[in-house]
Amino acid sequence: MTTSTQTTETAAAHSTPTDAPVPMTAEQKFFFDLRGWILLPAVLSEEEIEETKEEVYAGARQSYEGALQKLLDHPAIVGILNEILSEDPFVKDDCYGFRCEGSFITVRPPGWSKSERGDNGLPHVVRPPQQANAMRYQVAGGKIFAGLTRVVWELEEVKAGTGGTSFLSGSHKAHFNYGGPDPYRPNISESPWETNMRAIMEDYSCPPGSVVIFTESLVHAANDWTNPDNPRCAVFNCYNSIWAQWHRLNLNHETIAAMPPKRQSLFRGTWAIGGGPEGNREYSLDNNTI
C-alpha cells in the first residue's frame, strides 16, 4: 500500500475556514482523473471534529441531523462536487447542482475484522467501469462526470496500512474486466489476478478531520482495522447527478424539512428540465427522491 501525499497547493486550498465553496484546483482534477480519488487533509476545525465525534459516539448512524448534517454540504467539498457532478447552468445560489443519495457511519475498534462485512472486504465497484452505464466515470470536453461519488469524513487519525479504505488507483477507467467469469460482476471475486490487484492497492494516512473523495467506479475495499491507538470513526456520504439515482434513500420528510432550504435541495426529485424556466430547484414533499 502507498501513502497518499498532498502538495502545498491542495492542502492550503482547503485548510482556510470559509462559508464559500472552495473550487476544485487543477492539481486536484489531475489526480482525481488519474487515480479516481483524492485526499483533503485536516479540513475540519477542532471544534467541528469534537462535535461530530460526540454525536457519532453517542450512537448516530447517519449524518442527516445535528452537527453531522453540516458535513453534507461542507464548503470544502461543495466546489469539488460541483466540478465532478454538475455543470455551470445548474450551480445556483439557492440550490445545489448535485444530490445526496445516502449516508452511513462506521466505528471500527482496534481489532475490527473485515469478515464482519457481508462482502468480507472484497474489492468492489458500483458497476464494472468497462461496461457502459449511468454510474460510469466519464470525461468529455475537458469535463469530469464522476457518476456516483463517495465522500468519506475521517474523524479519527488514519495511518496507512492499518485499515483505511484502499483503492485500485486508475481502475475507474478500466476498459477490460478483472479476469473473473462474469464481466458484469461489480467485484473481483473469482479473478485469478486478485492477489496481484490487492498488492498494488493504495491507501492513505491523514489526521482527524480529513476527507477522502472517490468515484464509486473505482475498485475499493474495506480492510481490517489494526491501528491500536484509536478506532476508525468515519462518515460515508454518497452523491450523484440531479439526473440519476442509485440508492433508495428512505429518509422521512420531517428530517429534510428541518434543514436549511439549500441543504434540502440535496434531496429533491431526480429530474432537471421542466417545471418552469429555472427547472428543478426546490425540495418538497411532492418533489423528493425518498
C-alpha atoms as a PDB file:
ATOM      1  CA  MET A   1       0.000   0.000   0.000  1.00  0.00           C
ATOM      2  CA  THR A   2       1.112   3.544  -0.713  1.00  0.00           C
ATOM      3  CA  THR A   3       0.553   6.586   1.475  1.00  0.00           C
ATOM      4  CA  SER A   4      -1.096   9.475  -0.347  1.00  0.00           C
ATOM      5  CA  THR A   5       0.713  12.818  -0.342  1.00  0.00           C
ATOM      6  CA  GLN A   6      -0.677  16.271  -0.946  1.00  0.00           C
ATOM      7  CA  THR A   7       1.145  19.296  -2.281  1.00  0.00           C
ATOM      8  CA  THR A   8       1.027  22.698  -0.601  1.00  0.00           C
ATOM      9  CA  GLU A   9      -1.463  23.924  -3.211  1.00  0.00           C
ATOM     10  CA  THR A  10      -4.015  21.206  -2.452  1.00  0.00           C
ATOM     11  CA  ALA A  11      -3.700  21.345   1.312  1.00  0.00           C
ATOM     12  CA  ALA A  12      -3.814  25.141   1.534  1.00  0.00           C
ATOM     13  CA  ALA A  13      -6.909  25.390  -0.645  1.00  0.00           C
ATOM     14  CA  HIS A  14      -8.995  23.506   1.899  1.00  0.00           C
ATOM     15  CA  SER A  15      -7.437  24.462   5.219  1.00  0.00           C
ATOM     16  CA  THR A  16      -8.723  28.038   5.478  1.00  0.00           C
ATOM     17  CA  PRO A  17     -12.180  28.289   7.135  1.00  0.00           C
ATOM     18  CA  THR A  18     -14.771  29.734   4.757  1.00  0.00           C
ATOM     19  CA  ASP A  19     -18.505  29.607   4.097  1.00  0.00           C
ATOM     20  CA  ALA A  20     -17.961  29.866   0.339  1.00  0.00           C
ATOM     21  CA  PRO A  21     -17.388  26.678  -1.687  1.00  0.00           C
ATOM     22  CA  VAL A  22     -13.705  26.016  -2.274  1.00  0.00           C
ATOM     23  CA  PRO A  23     -13.142  25.495  -6.023  1.00  0.00           C
ATOM     24  CA  MET A  24     -11.515  22.291  -7.197  1.00  0.00           C
ATOM     25  CA  THR A  25      -7.919  23.040  -8.170  1.00  0.00           C
ATOM     26  CA  ALA A  26      -6.227  21.994 -11.402  1.00  0.00           C
ATOM     27  CA  GLU A  27      -3.980  19.738  -9.344  1.00  0.00           C
ATOM     28  CA  GLN A  28      -6.950  18.006  -7.727  1.00  0.00           C
ATOM     29  CA  LYS A  29      -8.610  17.451 -11.103  1.00  0.00           C
ATOM     30  CA  PHE A  30      -5.407  15.922 -12.467  1.00  0.00           C
ATOM     31  CA  PHE A  31      -5.011  13.461  -9.603  1.00  0.00           C
ATOM     32  CA  PHE A  32      -8.726  12.672  -9.313  1.00  0.00           C
ATOM     33  CA  ASP A  33      -8.832  11.833 -13.008  1.00  0.00           C
ATOM     34  CA  LEU A  34      -5.564   9.882 -12.804  1.00  0.00           C
ATOM     35  CA  ARG A  35      -6.279   7.871  -9.657  1.00  0.00           C
ATOM     36  CA  GLY A  36     -10.038   8.116  -9.092  1.00  0.00           C
ATOM     37  CA  TRP A  37      -9.661   9.553  -5.577  1.00  0.00           C
ATOM     38  CA  ILE A  38      -8.159  12.474  -3.681  1.00  0.00           C
ATOM     39  CA  LEU A  39      -7.428  13.240  -0.041  1.00  0.00           C
ATOM     40  CA  LEU A  40      -8.023  16.629   1.595  1.00  0.00           C
ATOM     41  CA  PRO A  41      -6.118  16.619   4.898  1.00  0.00           C
ATOM     42  CA  ALA A  42      -7.235  18.435   8.056  1.00  0.00           C
ATOM     43  CA  VAL A  43     -10.344  20.082   6.611  1.00  0.00           C
ATOM     44  CA  LEU A  44     -12.386  20.293   9.818  1.00  0.00           C
ATOM     45  CA  SER A  45     -11.601  22.551  12.760  1.00  0.00           C
ATOM     46  CA  GLU A  46     -11.004  21.059  16.215  1.00  0.00           C
ATOM     47  CA  GLU A  47     -14.478  22.235  17.231  1.00  0.00           C
ATOM     48  CA  GLU A  48     -16.095  20.565  14.211  1.00  0.00           C
ATOM     49  CA  ILE A  49     -14.201  17.338  14.866  1.00  0.00           C
ATOM     50  CA  GLU A  50     -15.233  17.190  18.508  1.00  0.00           C
ATOM     51  CA  GLU A  51     -18.931  17.986  17.957  1.00  0.00           C
ATOM     52  CA  THR A  52     -19.294  15.455  15.138  1.00  0.00           C
ATOM     53  CA  LYS A  53     -17.385  12.755  17.024  1.00  0.00           C
ATOM     54  CA  GLU A  54     -19.552  13.354  20.069  1.00  0.00           C
ATOM     55  CA  GLU A  55     -22.673  12.633  18.030  1.00  0.00           C
ATOM     56  CA  VAL A  56     -21.177   9.523  16.444  1.00  0.00           C
ATOM     57  CA  TYR A  57     -20.026   8.052  19.753  1.00  0.00           C
ATOM     58  CA  ALA A  58     -23.444   8.846  21.216  1.00  0.00           C
ATOM     59  CA  GLY A  59     -24.943   6.463  18.679  1.00  0.00           C
ATOM     60  CA  ALA A  60     -25.642   8.401  15.453  1.00  0.00           C
ATOM     61  CA  ARG A  61     -25.830   6.089  12.430  1.00  0.00           C
ATOM     62  CA  GLN A  62     -26.179   8.672   9.638  1.00  0.00           C
ATOM     63  CA  SER A  63     -25.429  12.343   9.052  1.00  0.00           C
ATOM     64  CA  TYR A  64     -28.821  13.965   8.385  1.00  0.00           C
ATOM     65  CA  GLU A  65     -29.267  15.655  11.763  1.00  0.00           C
ATOM     66  CA  GLY A  66     -27.316  17.626  14.378  1.00  0.00           C
ATOM     67  CA  ALA A  67     -23.802  18.822  13.677  1.00  0.00           C
ATOM     68  CA  LEU A  68     -23.221  15.867  11.355  1.00  0.00           C
ATOM     69  CA  GLN A  69     -25.604  17.284   8.733  1.00  0.00           C
ATOM     70  CA  LYS A  70     -23.159  20.150   8.154  1.00  0.00           C
ATOM     71  CA  LEU A  71     -20.839  17.613   6.531  1.00  0.00           C
ATOM     72  CA  LEU A  72     -23.419  17.051   3.759  1.00  0.00           C
ATOM     73  CA  ASP A  73     -22.618  20.412   2.157  1.00  0.00           C
ATOM     74  CA  HIS A  74     -19.403  21.472   3.861  1.00  0.00           C
ATOM     75  CA  PRO A  75     -17.700  24.254   1.833  1.00  0.00           C
ATOM     76  CA  ALA A  76     -14.565  22.122   1.421  1.00  0.00           C
ATOM     77  CA  ILE A  77     -16.417  19.573  -0.729  1.00  0.00           C
ATOM     78  CA  VAL A  78     -19.132  21.601  -2.492  1.00  0.00           C
ATOM     79  CA  GLY A  79     -16.752  23.108  -5.072  1.00  0.00           C
ATOM     80  CA  ILE A  80     -15.366  19.668  -5.915  1.00  0.00           C
ATOM     81  CA  LEU A  81     -18.821  18.099  -6.214  1.00  0.00           C
ATOM     82  CA  ASN A  82     -19.905  20.998  -8.447  1.00  0.00           C
ATOM     83  CA  GLU A  83     -16.943  20.230 -10.693  1.00  0.00           C
ATOM     84  CA  ILE A  84     -17.387  16.464 -10.987  1.00  0.00           C
ATOM     85  CA  LEU A  85     -21.188  16.062 -10.735  1.00  0.00           C
ATOM     86  CA  SER A  86     -22.715  19.235 -12.147  1.00  0.00           C
ATOM     87  CA  GLU A  87     -22.432  21.904 -14.840  1.00  0.00           C
ATOM     88  CA  ASP A  88     -22.355  25.690 -14.593  1.00  0.00           C
ATOM     89  CA  PRO A  89     -26.037  26.227 -15.594  1.00  0.00           C
ATOM     90  CA  PHE A  90     -27.136  24.056 -12.668  1.00  0.00           C
ATOM     91  CA  VAL A  91     -24.929  25.611  -9.985  1.00  0.00           C
ATOM     92  CA  LYS A  92     -27.203  28.130  -8.254  1.00  0.00           C
ATOM     93  CA  ASP A  93     -27.105  30.271  -5.118  1.00  0.00           C
ATOM     94  CA  ASP A  94     -30.281  28.732  -3.738  1.00  0.00           C
ATOM     95  CA  CYS A  95     -29.818  25.057  -4.665  1.00  0.00           C
ATOM     96  CA  TYR A  96     -27.095  22.508  -5.319  1.00  0.00           C
ATOM     97  CA  GLY A  97     -26.262  21.107  -8.752  1.00  0.00           C
ATOM     98  CA  PHE A  98     -25.952  17.576  -7.343  1.00  0.00           C
ATOM     99  CA  ARG A  99     -27.909  15.319  -4.994  1.00  0.00           C
ATOM    100  CA  CYS A 100     -27.245  13.332  -1.837  1.00  0.00           C
ATOM    101  CA  GLU A 101     -28.075   9.626  -2.157  1.00  0.00           C
ATOM    102  CA  GLY A 102     -27.277   8.326   1.282  1.00  0.00           C
ATOM    103  CA  SER A 103     -25.148   8.354   4.412  1.00  0.00           C
ATOM    104  CA  PHE A 104     -23.849   5.852   6.904  1.00  0.00           C
ATOM    105  CA  ILE A 105     -21.416   5.983   9.799  1.00  0.00           C
ATOM    106  CA  THR A 106     -18.873   3.380  10.807  1.00  0.00           C
ATOM    107  CA  VAL A 107     -16.982   2.961  14.070  1.00  0.00           C
ATOM    108  CA  ARG A 108     -14.354   0.215  13.934  1.00  0.00           C
ATOM    109  CA  PRO A 109     -12.453  -0.502  17.160  1.00  0.00           C
ATOM    110  CA  PRO A 110      -8.874  -1.812  17.127  1.00  0.00           C
ATOM    111  CA  GLY A 111      -9.063  -5.447  16.042  1.00  0.00           C
ATOM    112  CA  TRP A 112     -12.186  -4.978  13.888  1.00  0.00           C
ATOM    113  CA  SER A 113     -12.255  -7.579  11.100  1.00  0.00           C
ATOM    114  CA  LYS A 114     -13.490  -7.097   7.556  1.00  0.00           C
ATOM    115  CA  SER A 115     -15.178 -10.506   7.987  1.00  0.00           C
ATOM    116  CA  GLU A 116     -17.921  -8.570   9.798  1.00  0.00           C
ATOM    117  CA  ARG A 117     -18.974  -7.148   6.434  1.00  0.00           C
ATOM    118  CA  GLY A 118     -21.252  -9.089   4.163  1.00  0.00           C
ATOM    119  CA  ASP A 119     -18.706  -8.888   1.341  1.00  0.00           C
ATOM    120  CA  ASN A 120     -15.749  -9.803   3.581  1.00  0.00           C
ATOM    121  CA  GLY A 121     -13.940  -6.678   2.367  1.00  0.00           C
ATOM    122  CA  LEU A 122     -13.863  -7.870  -1.243  1.00  0.00           C
ATOM    123  CA  PRO A 123     -12.681  -5.102  -3.618  1.00  0.00           C
ATOM    124  CA  HIS A 124     -15.730  -3.838  -5.488  1.00  0.00           C
ATOM    125  CA  VAL A 125     -17.335  -1.058  -7.561  1.00  0.00           C
ATOM    126  CA  VAL A 126     -20.869   0.237  -8.093  1.00  0.00           C
ATOM    127  CA  ARG A 127     -20.862  -1.238 -11.623  1.00  0.00           C
ATOM    128  CA  PRO A 128     -17.925  -2.573 -13.662  1.00  0.00           C
ATOM    129  CA  PRO A 129     -16.366   0.518 -15.268  1.00  0.00           C
ATOM    130  CA  GLN A 130     -15.617  -1.327 -18.515  1.00  0.00           C
ATOM    131  CA  GLN A 131     -19.388  -1.552 -19.073  1.00  0.00           C
ATOM    132  CA  ALA A 132     -21.481   1.357 -20.384  1.00  0.00           C
ATOM    133  CA  ASN A 133     -23.822   2.530 -17.612  1.00  0.00           C
ATOM    134  CA  ALA A 134     -25.148   5.697 -15.978  1.00  0.00           C
ATOM    135  CA  MET A 135     -22.807   5.364 -12.987  1.00  0.00           C
ATOM    136  CA  ARG A 136     -19.623   5.105 -15.048  1.00  0.00           C
ATOM    137  CA  TYR A 137     -16.824   7.653 -14.643  1.00  0.00           C
ATOM    138  CA  GLN A 138     -16.576   9.803 -17.788  1.00  0.00           C
ATOM    139  CA  VAL A 139     -14.538  12.710 -19.130  1.00  0.00           C
ATOM    140  CA  ALA A 140     -15.610  14.643 -22.214  1.00  0.00           C
ATOM    141  CA  GLY A 141     -14.928  18.163 -23.438  1.00  0.00           C
ATOM    142  CA  GLY A 142     -12.454  18.699 -20.609  1.00  0.00           C
ATOM    143  CA  LYS A 143     -15.193  17.995 -18.056  1.00  0.00           C
ATOM    144  CA  ILE A 144     -15.305  15.237 -15.431  1.00  0.00           C
ATOM    145  CA  PHE A 145     -18.552  13.415 -14.701  1.00  0.00           C
ATOM    146  CA  ALA A 146     -17.957  11.068 -11.799  1.00  0.00           C
ATOM    147  CA  GLY A 147     -21.346   9.358 -11.631  1.00  0.00           C
ATOM    148  CA  LEU A 148     -21.847   8.045  -8.121  1.00  0.00           C
ATOM    149  CA  THR A 149     -19.316   9.741  -5.821  1.00  0.00           C
ATOM    150  CA  ARG A 150     -18.410   8.862  -2.225  1.00  0.00           C
ATOM    151  CA  VAL A 151     -17.191  11.399   0.354  1.00  0.00           C
ATOM    152  CA  VAL A 152     -15.587   9.922   3.488  1.00  0.00           C
ATOM    153  CA  TRP A 153     -15.033  12.102   6.550  1.00  0.00           C
ATOM    154  CA  GLU A 154     -12.325  10.635   8.792  1.00  0.00           C
ATOM    155  CA  LEU A 155     -12.957  11.880  12.343  1.00  0.00           C
ATOM    156  CA  GLU A 156     -10.022   9.982  13.899  1.00  0.00           C
ATOM    157  CA  GLU A 157      -6.441   9.612  12.732  1.00  0.00           C
ATOM    158  CA  VAL A 158      -5.822   7.123   9.929  1.00  0.00           C
ATOM    159  CA  LYS A 159      -2.413   5.512   9.442  1.00  0.00           C
ATOM    160  CA  ALA A 160      -1.520   3.874   6.151  1.00  0.00           C
ATOM    161  CA  GLY A 161      -1.549   0.099   6.275  1.00  0.00           C
ATOM    162  CA  THR A 162      -3.750  -0.129   9.383  1.00  0.00           C
ATOM    163  CA  GLY A 163      -7.231  -0.404   7.940  1.00  0.00           C
ATOM    164  CA  GLY A 164      -8.413   2.644   5.991  1.00  0.00           C
ATOM    165  CA  THR A 165     -10.262   2.262   2.694  1.00  0.00           C
ATOM    166  CA  SER A 166      -7.921   1.118  -0.074  1.00  0.00           C
ATOM    167  CA  PHE A 167      -8.134   1.814  -3.806  1.00  0.00           C
ATOM    168  CA  LEU A 168      -7.008   0.187  -7.045  1.00  0.00           C
ATOM    169  CA  SER A 169      -5.978   3.547  -8.459  1.00  0.00           C
ATOM    170  CA  GLY A 170      -6.858   4.072 -12.115  1.00  0.00           C
ATOM    171  CA  SER A 171      -9.342   1.183 -12.249  1.00  0.00           C
ATOM    172  CA  HIS A 172     -12.227   3.636 -12.691  1.00  0.00           C
ATOM    173  CA  LYS A 173     -11.101   3.979 -16.306  1.00  0.00           C
ATOM    174  CA  ALA A 174     -10.600   0.267 -16.993  1.00  0.00           C
ATOM    175  CA  HIS A 175     -11.641  -0.979 -20.438  1.00  0.00           C
ATOM    176  CA  PHE A 176     -11.262  -4.675 -19.684  1.00  0.00           C
ATOM    177  CA  ASN A 177     -12.781  -6.787 -16.938  1.00  0.00           C
ATOM    178  CA  TYR A 178     -10.942  -8.031 -13.876  1.00  0.00           C
ATOM    179  CA  GLY A 179     -10.389 -11.597 -15.075  1.00  0.00           C
ATOM    180  CA  GLY A 180     -13.420 -13.134 -13.399  1.00  0.00           C
ATOM    181  CA  PRO A 181     -16.002 -15.311 -15.127  1.00  0.00           C
ATOM    182  CA  ASP A 182     -18.743 -12.636 -15.132  1.00  0.00           C
ATOM    183  CA  PRO A 183     -17.902  -9.302 -16.826  1.00  0.00           C
ATOM    184  CA  TYR A 184     -20.935  -7.689 -15.159  1.00  0.00           C
ATOM    185  CA  ARG A 185     -19.985  -8.665 -11.616  1.00  0.00           C
ATOM    186  CA  PRO A 186     -19.266  -5.498  -9.552  1.00  0.00           C
ATOM    187  CA  ASN A 187     -16.388  -7.080  -7.612  1.00  0.00           C
ATOM    188  CA  ILE A 188     -13.214  -9.050  -8.299  1.00  0.00           C
ATOM    189  CA  SER A 189     -14.392 -12.386  -6.895  1.00  0.00           C
ATOM    190  CA  GLU A 190     -13.018 -15.470  -8.684  1.00  0.00           C
ATOM    191  CA  SER A 191     -10.457 -13.394 -10.529  1.00  0.00           C
ATOM    192  CA  PRO A 192      -7.120 -15.215 -10.869  1.00  0.00           C
ATOM    193  CA  TRP A 193      -5.488 -11.786 -10.586  1.00  0.00           C
ATOM    194  CA  GLU A 194      -6.950 -10.923  -7.173  1.00  0.00           C
ATOM    195  CA  THR A 195      -3.642 -11.264  -5.312  1.00  0.00           C
ATOM    196  CA  ASN A 196      -1.842  -9.041  -7.804  1.00  0.00           C
ATOM    197  CA  MET A 197      -4.589  -6.421  -7.703  1.00  0.00           C
ATOM    198  CA  ARG A 198      -4.624  -6.327  -3.921  1.00  0.00           C
ATOM    199  CA  ALA A 199      -0.829  -5.968  -3.904  1.00  0.00           C
ATOM    200  CA  ILE A 200      -0.963  -2.636  -5.760  1.00  0.00           C
ATOM    201  CA  MET A 201      -3.951  -1.106  -3.977  1.00  0.00           C
ATOM    202  CA  GLU A 202      -3.213   2.225  -2.286  1.00  0.00           C
ATOM    203  CA  ASP A 203      -4.408   3.735   0.966  1.00  0.00           C
ATOM    204  CA  TYR A 204      -3.616   6.875   2.945  1.00  0.00           C
ATOM    205  CA  SER A 205      -2.562   8.480   6.197  1.00  0.00           C
ATOM    206  CA  CYS A 206      -4.417  11.524   7.481  1.00  0.00           C
ATOM    207  CA  PRO A 207      -5.118  13.482  10.666  1.00  0.00           C
ATOM    208  CA  PRO A 208      -8.619  13.737  12.164  1.00  0.00           C
ATOM    209  CA  GLY A 209     -10.970  15.973  10.208  1.00  0.00           C
ATOM    210  CA  SER A 210      -9.711  14.916   6.783  1.00  0.00           C
ATOM    211  CA  VAL A 211     -11.895  13.939   3.833  1.00  0.00           C
ATOM    212  CA  VAL A 212     -11.431  11.404   1.033  1.00  0.00           C
ATOM    213  CA  ILE A 213     -13.407  11.760  -2.192  1.00  0.00           C
ATOM    214  CA  PHE A 214     -13.607   8.912  -4.708  1.00  0.00           C
ATOM    215  CA  THR A 215     -15.694   7.741  -7.630  1.00  0.00           C
ATOM    216  CA  GLU A 216     -17.658   4.556  -6.954  1.00  0.00           C
ATOM    217  CA  SER A 217     -16.435   3.336 -10.362  1.00  0.00           C
ATOM    218  CA  LEU A 218     -13.071   2.857  -8.676  1.00  0.00           C
ATOM    219  CA  VAL A 219     -12.266  -0.596  -7.261  1.00  0.00           C
ATOM    220  CA  HIS A 220     -12.081  -0.086  -3.492  1.00  0.00           C
ATOM    221  CA  ALA A 221     -12.112  -2.237  -0.390  1.00  0.00           C
ATOM    222  CA  ALA A 222     -12.568  -2.290   3.370  1.00  0.00           C
ATOM    223  CA  ASN A 223      -9.716  -3.660   5.466  1.00  0.00           C
ATOM    224  CA  ASP A 224      -9.103  -4.998   8.973  1.00  0.00           C
ATOM    225  CA  TRP A 225      -8.671  -2.089  11.410  1.00  0.00           C
ATOM    226  CA  THR A 226      -5.322  -2.837  13.058  1.00  0.00           C
ATOM    227  CA  ASN A 227      -4.428   0.637  14.348  1.00  0.00           C
ATOM    228  CA  PRO A 228      -4.050   0.070  18.131  1.00  0.00           C
ATOM    229  CA  ASP A 229      -4.153   3.780  19.010  1.00  0.00           C
ATOM    230  CA  ASN A 230      -7.716   4.718  18.065  1.00  0.00           C
ATOM    231  CA  PRO A 231     -10.856   3.382  16.388  1.00  0.00           C
ATOM    232  CA  ARG A 232     -11.832   4.297  12.883  1.00  0.00           C
ATOM    233  CA  CYS A 233     -14.658   6.820  13.104  1.00  0.00           C
ATOM    234  CA  ALA A 234     -15.866   7.787   9.633  1.00  0.00           C
ATOM    235  CA  VAL A 235     -18.916   9.251   7.918  1.00  0.00           C
ATOM    236  CA  PHE A 236     -19.611   7.929   4.410  1.00  0.00           C
ATOM    237  CA  ASN A 237     -21.829  10.245   2.340  1.00  0.00           C
ATOM    238  CA  CYS A 238     -22.845   9.468  -1.237  1.00  0.00           C
ATOM    239  CA  TYR A 239     -23.714  11.905  -4.056  1.00  0.00           C
ATOM    240  CA  ASN A 240     -24.973  11.740  -7.615  1.00  0.00           C
ATOM    241  CA  SER A 241     -26.111  13.860 -10.533  1.00  0.00           C
ATOM    242  CA  ILE A 242     -29.505  15.576 -10.373  1.00  0.00           C
ATOM    243  CA  TRP A 243     -30.432  13.287 -13.298  1.00  0.00           C
ATOM    244  CA  ALA A 244     -29.535   9.892 -11.885  1.00  0.00           C
ATOM    245  CA  GLN A 245     -30.245   7.785  -8.815  1.00  0.00           C
ATOM    246  CA  TRP A 246     -28.710   4.549  -7.500  1.00  0.00           C
ATOM    247  CA  HIS A 247     -29.745   4.270  -3.827  1.00  0.00           C
ATOM    248  CA  ARG A 248     -33.262   4.490  -2.424  1.00  0.00           C
ATOM    249  CA  LEU A 249     -32.871   6.985   0.387  1.00  0.00           C
ATOM    250  CA  ASN A 250     -35.964   6.272   2.540  1.00  0.00           C
ATOM    251  CA  LEU A 251     -35.427   9.455   4.570  1.00  0.00           C
ATOM    252  CA  ASN A 252     -38.540  10.947   6.158  1.00  0.00           C
ATOM    253  CA  HIS A 253     -39.842  14.342   5.094  1.00  0.00           C
ATOM    254  CA  GLU A 254     -39.712  15.816   8.607  1.00  0.00           C
ATOM    255  CA  THR A 255     -35.930  15.301   8.809  1.00  0.00           C
ATOM    256  CA  ILE A 256     -35.328  17.032   5.465  1.00  0.00           C
ATOM    257  CA  ALA A 257     -37.819  19.838   6.170  1.00  0.00           C
ATOM    258  CA  ALA A 258     -35.872  20.748   9.325  1.00  0.00           C
ATOM    259  CA  MET A 259     -32.750  21.522   7.241  1.00  0.00           C
ATOM    260  CA  PRO A 260     -31.894  24.921   5.737  1.00  0.00           C
ATOM    261  CA  PRO A 261     -33.612  25.330   2.320  1.00  0.00           C
ATOM    262  CA  LYS A 262     -30.439  24.990   0.241  1.00  0.00           C
ATOM    263  CA  ARG A 263     -29.420  21.792   2.065  1.00  0.00           C
ATOM    264  CA  GLN A 264     -32.939  20.461   1.445  1.00  0.00           C
ATOM    265  CA  SER A 265     -32.271  20.758  -2.295  1.00  0.00           C
ATOM    266  CA  LEU A 266     -29.808  17.847  -1.969  1.00  0.00           C
ATOM    267  CA  PHE A 267     -32.886  15.623  -1.659  1.00  0.00           C
ATOM    268  CA  ARG A 268     -35.144  16.963  -4.416  1.00  0.00           C
ATOM    269  CA  GLY A 269     -36.553  14.753  -7.159  1.00  0.00           C
ATOM    270  CA  THR A 270     -34.349  13.193  -9.824  1.00  0.00           C
ATOM    271  CA  TRP A 271     -35.034  15.395 -12.802  1.00  0.00           C
ATOM    272  CA  ALA A 272     -33.637  18.660 -14.166  1.00  0.00           C
ATOM    273  CA  ILE A 273     -35.645  20.171 -17.029  1.00  0.00           C
ATOM    274  CA  GLY A 274     -39.227  21.456 -16.852  1.00  0.00           C
ATOM    275  CA  GLY A 275     -41.292  22.899 -14.053  1.00  0.00           C
ATOM    276  CA  GLY A 276     -40.675  26.451 -15.217  1.00  0.00           C
ATOM    277  CA  PRO A 277     -37.707  28.283 -16.727  1.00  0.00           C
ATOM    278  CA  GLU A 278     -35.467  27.620 -13.736  1.00  0.00           C
ATOM    279  CA  GLY A 279     -36.002  23.857 -13.771  1.00  0.00           C
ATOM    280  CA  ASN A 280     -35.940  21.638 -10.687  1.00  0.00           C
ATOM    281  CA  ARG A 281     -34.501  23.602  -7.781  1.00  0.00           C
ATOM    282  CA  GLU A 282     -36.553  23.100  -4.623  1.00  0.00           C
ATOM    283  CA  TYR A 283     -37.233  20.110  -2.414  1.00  0.00           C
ATOM    284  CA  SER A 284     -40.832  19.499  -1.313  1.00  0.00           C
ATOM    285  CA  LEU A 285     -42.947  16.636  -0.028  1.00  0.00           C
ATOM    286  CA  ASP A 286     -44.117  16.103  -3.616  1.00  0.00           C
ATOM    287  CA  ASN A 287     -40.662  16.530  -5.144  1.00  0.00           C
ATOM    288  CA  ASN A 288     -38.274  14.176  -3.448  1.00  0.00           C
ATOM    289  CA  THR A 289     -36.214  11.048  -4.016  1.00  0.00           C
ATOM    290  CA  ILE A 290     -37.328   9.116  -0.961  1.00  0.00           C
END
